[in-house]
Amino acid sequence: MTLSVAQSVPVALEELDLASVHRPADEVRTLSLEDREQKSDWYLKINPNGRLPALIDHSKGDFAIWESSAILLYIAQHFDTERKISYDPVSEPKLYSEQLQWLFFVDGGIAPIVHFMRFAPEEVPYAIKRYRDESIRLISVFEERLKGREWLVGPHFSLADIKSALRAAKLLNVDFNDYPNIKKWLEKVFARPKTDKGLNVPSLWDVEAYVHTAINVSKRPLEVSRAIAAASFGFKKVE
């Protein structure tokens, strides 16, 4: 398989021990967002949306999958036969449906907030307040869900935890010390050795800093994020 990186995908591969099965065609490739490599012709043939991540399954005629949740579900469908990190849609339909619900919840709710709060090229007071308030609301959904639970769905760690924990940990202006259920859950997720290993693909990821950001609310200055956004995505302030 060839992978352009987003952190949830290598975590899933490591949890299933797929990353340790080295084959000549296997490759993890990082793209330069600053150079807009994700918009190059060769990559758009793989992912017409021009975003990360994408996965190519060489065992199935170089079949390409894009969007992180779609990739996670594809990996589970074809490679998680023992259901170590997923649930079976036939034998466990309710748990499978719950897993889907949390994946979609993260994609539709948290992901846009993370992007705006980190990369907006200018301060818009109404929008900042709106997204900060929404961050608190979404975090409260997780806090309530995790009351008396070890994992988001069912009796074991799953795709729902992978995707949700990585996204929730990126929310700014949230003090996880005020949310003991989430804090305990995040610490448990990031303490998993295989998850830790997946977060270090392609070895440029500072897991310790990542967890510190999640638990202790350390954040990058907005002006730094805006500079990165301007360079990577062409975002600029509207005059």
Protein backbone atom coordinates (compact mmCIF):
# COMPACT_ATOMS: atom_id res chain seq x y z
CA MET A 1 0.00 0.00 0.00
CA THR A 2 1.07 3.58 -0.62
CA LEU A 3 -0.12 6.21 1.83
CA SER A 4 -0.08 9.99 1.88
CA VAL A 5 -0.16 10.70 5.57
CA ALA A 6 -2.91 11.76 7.97
CA GLN A 7 -2.33 10.51 11.47
CA SER A 8 -5.43 8.36 12.01
CA VAL A 9 -4.55 6.07 9.11
CA PRO A 10 -1.01 5.01 10.18
CA VAL A 11 -2.38 4.52 13.70
CA ALA A 12 -4.92 2.03 12.35
CA LEU A 13 -2.27 0.29 10.26
CA GLU A 14 0.03 -0.03 13.28
CA GLU A 15 -2.77 -1.29 15.53
CA LEU A 16 -3.41 -4.08 13.01
CA ASP A 17 0.32 -4.80 12.57
CA LEU A 18 -0.02 -4.05 8.87
CA ALA A 19 2.76 -1.49 8.88
CA SER A 20 5.23 -4.17 9.95
CA VAL A 21 4.48 -6.31 6.90
CA HIS A 22 6.99 -4.77 4.53
CA ARG A 23 6.45 -5.33 0.83
CA PRO A 24 8.41 -3.74 -2.03
CA ALA A 25 5.46 -1.64 -3.15
CA ASP A 26 4.63 -0.31 0.34
CA GLU A 27 5.39 3.35 0.82
CA VAL A 28 4.48 6.22 3.10
CA ARG A 29 4.78 9.49 1.28
CA THR A 30 4.57 12.96 2.76
CA LEU A 31 3.51 15.88 0.60
CA SER A 32 4.74 19.45 0.81
CA LEU A 33 1.68 21.60 1.47
CA GLU A 34 3.89 24.67 1.23
CA ASP A 35 4.74 23.69 -2.34
CA ARG A 36 1.06 22.73 -2.92
CA GLU A 37 2.12 19.24 -3.94
CA GLN A 38 -1.37 18.03 -3.01
CA LYS A 39 -2.63 19.98 -6.04
CA SER A 40 -0.20 18.43 -8.50
CA ASP A 41 -1.57 16.47 -11.45
CA TRP A 42 -0.22 13.12 -10.28
CA TYR A 43 -1.86 13.45 -6.86
CA LEU A 44 -5.19 14.72 -8.18
CA LYS A 45 -5.45 11.48 -10.15
CA ILE A 46 -5.40 9.69 -6.79
CA ASN A 47 -7.48 12.17 -4.81
CA PRO A 48 -9.51 14.59 -6.97
CA ASN A 49 -10.16 16.71 -3.87
CA GLY A 50 -6.46 17.47 -3.52
CA ARG A 51 -6.32 16.87 0.21
CA LEU A 52 -4.63 14.42 2.60
CA PRO A 53 -4.81 11.52 3.13
CA ALA A 54 -5.06 9.00 0.33
CA LEU A 55 -4.30 5.30 0.25
CA ILE A 56 -3.48 3.09 -2.73
CA ASP A 57 -4.08 -0.62 -2.27
CA HIS A 58 -1.64 -2.31 -4.64
CA SER A 59 -3.13 -5.73 -3.85
CA LYS A 60 -6.35 -4.65 -5.54
CA GLY A 61 -5.17 -3.19 -8.79
CA ASP A 62 -3.84 0.06 -7.30
CA PHE A 63 -7.29 0.96 -6.00
CA ALA A 64 -7.25 4.47 -4.48
CA ILE A 65 -9.19 5.53 -1.41
CA TRP A 66 -9.36 9.07 -0.06
CA GLU A 67 -10.90 10.80 2.98
CA SER A 68 -9.59 9.51 6.29
CA SER A 69 -12.82 7.92 7.54
CA ALA A 70 -13.34 6.15 4.22
CA ILE A 71 -9.78 4.84 4.43
CA LEU A 72 -10.27 3.65 8.02
CA LEU A 73 -13.44 1.79 7.05
CA TYR A 74 -11.70 0.27 4.01
CA ILE A 75 -8.82 -0.94 6.18
CA ALA A 76 -11.29 -2.46 8.64
CA GLN A 77 -13.32 -4.11 5.89
CA HIS A 78 -10.38 -5.78 4.18
CA PHE A 79 -7.74 -6.24 6.87
CA ASP A 80 -9.37 -6.28 10.31
CA THR A 81 -10.89 -9.73 10.01
CA GLU A 82 -10.50 -10.32 13.76
CA ARG A 83 -12.23 -7.01 14.53
CA LYS A 84 -9.42 -5.75 16.74
CA ILE A 85 -10.24 -2.09 16.11
CA SER A 86 -13.62 -2.22 14.41
CA TYR A 87 -17.06 -3.82 14.49
CA ASP A 88 -18.66 -6.17 11.99
CA PRO A 89 -21.63 -4.71 10.07
CA VAL A 90 -23.31 -8.13 9.84
CA SER A 91 -22.73 -9.74 13.23
CA GLU A 92 -22.53 -6.48 15.21
CA PRO A 93 -24.83 -4.10 13.30
CA LYS A 94 -25.66 -1.81 16.22
CA LEU A 95 -22.04 -1.35 17.28
CA TYR A 96 -21.04 -0.88 13.64
CA SER A 97 -23.70 1.83 13.27
CA GLU A 98 -22.50 3.55 16.45
CA GLN A 99 -18.96 3.49 15.12
CA LEU A 100 -20.11 5.18 11.91
CA GLN A 101 -22.03 7.79 13.88
CA TRP A 102 -18.94 8.86 15.81
CA LEU A 103 -16.78 8.96 12.68
CA PHE A 104 -19.34 11.18 10.95
CA PHE A 105 -19.76 13.30 14.07
CA VAL A 106 -16.04 14.06 14.09
CA ASP A 107 -15.87 14.75 10.36
CA GLY A 108 -18.89 17.03 10.35
CA GLY A 109 -18.42 18.74 13.69
CA ILE A 110 -14.88 18.86 14.98
CA ALA A 111 -12.78 18.83 11.81
CA PRO A 112 -14.04 22.19 10.42
CA ILE A 113 -13.57 23.85 13.82
CA VAL A 114 -9.99 22.63 14.14
CA HIS A 115 -9.18 24.01 10.70
CA PHE A 116 -10.76 27.41 11.31
CA MET A 117 -9.33 27.95 14.79
CA ARG A 118 -5.83 27.09 13.63
CA PHE A 119 -5.66 28.59 10.15
CA ALA A 120 -8.10 31.51 9.79
CA PRO A 121 -6.06 34.33 8.22
CA GLU A 122 -7.76 37.04 10.30
CA GLU A 123 -9.64 37.45 13.56
CA VAL A 124 -13.40 37.61 13.14
CA PRO A 125 -14.83 38.06 16.65
CA TYR A 126 -18.26 36.58 15.90
CA ALA A 127 -16.77 33.53 14.17
CA ILE A 128 -14.17 33.00 16.91
CA LYS A 129 -16.84 33.11 19.63
CA ARG A 130 -19.10 30.86 17.59
CA TYR A 131 -16.43 28.20 17.10
CA ARG A 132 -15.13 28.42 20.66
CA ASP A 133 -18.66 27.91 22.00
CA GLU A 134 -19.18 25.05 19.57
CA SER A 135 -15.90 23.48 20.68
CA ILE A 136 -17.16 23.41 24.25
CA ARG A 137 -20.46 21.94 23.16
CA LEU A 138 -18.82 19.17 21.15
CA ILE A 139 -16.36 18.35 23.91
CA SER A 140 -19.29 18.11 26.29
CA VAL A 141 -20.82 15.47 24.02
CA PHE A 142 -17.67 13.37 24.40
CA GLU A 143 -17.54 13.98 28.15
CA GLU A 144 -21.10 12.74 28.61
CA ARG A 145 -20.59 9.77 26.31
CA LEU A 146 -17.49 8.63 28.18
CA LYS A 147 -19.20 8.70 31.57
CA GLY A 148 -18.81 5.16 32.90
CA ARG A 149 -17.22 4.02 29.61
CA GLU A 150 -13.69 3.04 28.71
CA TRP A 151 -14.17 3.54 24.96
CA LEU A 152 -16.59 5.47 22.77
CA VAL A 153 -18.21 2.40 21.23
CA GLY A 154 -18.63 -1.07 22.67
CA PRO A 155 -16.15 -2.99 24.82
CA HIS A 156 -12.91 -2.25 22.96
CA PHE A 157 -10.77 0.41 21.31
CA SER A 158 -12.02 1.11 17.80
CA LEU A 159 -11.89 3.38 14.77
CA ALA A 160 -14.22 5.73 16.65
CA ASP A 161 -11.58 6.26 19.33
CA ILE A 162 -8.76 6.68 16.83
CA LYS A 163 -10.48 9.36 14.79
CA SER A 164 -12.15 11.12 17.72
CA ALA A 165 -9.13 11.29 20.01
CA LEU A 166 -6.81 12.68 17.35
CA ARG A 167 -9.32 15.36 16.41
CA ALA A 168 -10.43 16.25 19.93
CA ALA A 169 -6.83 16.66 21.03
CA LYS A 170 -6.38 19.43 18.47
CA LEU A 171 -9.19 21.64 19.76
CA LEU A 172 -7.91 24.95 21.04
CA ASN A 173 -9.12 26.87 24.08
CA VAL A 174 -10.33 23.71 25.77
CA ASP A 175 -8.87 22.85 29.16
CA PHE A 176 -9.19 19.07 29.33
CA ASN A 177 -8.57 19.22 33.07
CA ASP A 178 -12.19 20.40 33.26
CA TYR A 179 -13.31 17.22 31.50
CA PRO A 180 -12.03 14.26 33.53
CA ASN A 181 -13.68 11.58 31.39
CA ILE A 182 -12.10 12.92 28.21
CA LYS A 183 -8.74 13.48 29.86
CA LYS A 184 -8.62 9.90 31.10
CA TRP A 185 -9.71 8.60 27.69
CA LEU A 186 -7.11 10.66 25.78
CA GLU A 187 -4.34 9.53 28.10
CA LYS A 188 -5.41 5.92 27.60
CA VAL A 189 -5.51 6.26 23.82
CA PHE A 190 -2.10 7.92 23.56
CA ALA A 191 -0.55 5.43 25.97
CA ARG A 192 -1.17 2.59 23.53
CA PRO A 193 2.25 1.54 22.13
CA LYS A 194 0.98 0.89 18.60
CA THR A 195 -0.94 4.16 18.52
CA ASP A 196 2.20 5.92 19.67
CA LYS A 197 4.14 4.25 16.89
CA GLY A 198 1.53 5.20 14.29
CA LEU A 199 1.68 8.82 15.39
CA ASN A 200 5.38 8.79 14.56
CA VAL A 201 4.77 7.97 10.90
CA PRO A 202 6.60 9.33 8.96
CA SER A 203 8.77 9.98 12.05
CA LEU A 204 8.24 13.74 11.98
CA TRP A 205 5.48 13.70 14.61
CA ASP A 206 6.20 14.81 18.16
CA VAL A 207 3.85 12.59 20.17
CA GLU A 208 4.91 14.04 23.52
CA ALA A 209 4.09 17.54 22.33
CA TYR A 210 0.82 16.29 20.84
CA VAL A 211 -0.33 14.82 24.14
CA HIS A 212 0.90 17.89 26.01
CA THR A 213 -1.25 20.06 23.75
CA ALA A 214 -4.27 17.88 24.41
CA ILE A 215 -3.92 17.62 28.16
CA ASN A 216 -2.31 20.93 29.14
CA VAL A 217 -3.82 23.23 26.53
CA SER A 218 -0.53 24.38 25.09
CA LYS A 219 -1.29 26.14 21.79
CA ARG A 220 0.51 27.62 18.88
CA PRO A 221 0.22 31.42 18.56
CA LEU A 222 -2.47 32.43 16.08
CA GLU A 223 -0.05 34.52 14.04
CA VAL A 224 2.10 31.42 13.48
CA SER A 225 -0.89 29.38 12.32
CA ARG A 226 -1.95 32.17 9.99
CA ALA A 227 1.52 32.34 8.47
CA ILE A 228 1.45 28.58 7.88
CA ALA A 229 -2.01 28.84 6.33
CA ALA A 230 -0.91 31.63 4.02
CA ALA A 231 2.08 29.62 2.85
CA SER A 232 0.38 26.23 2.62
CA PHE A 233 -3.12 27.00 1.40
CA GLY A 234 -2.89 30.47 -0.10
CA PHE A 235 -5.23 31.90 2.58
CA LYS A 236 -5.06 35.65 2.91
CA LYS A 237 -6.91 38.42 4.65
CA VAL A 238 -9.70 40.00 2.61
CA GLU A 239 -9.15 43.73 2.39
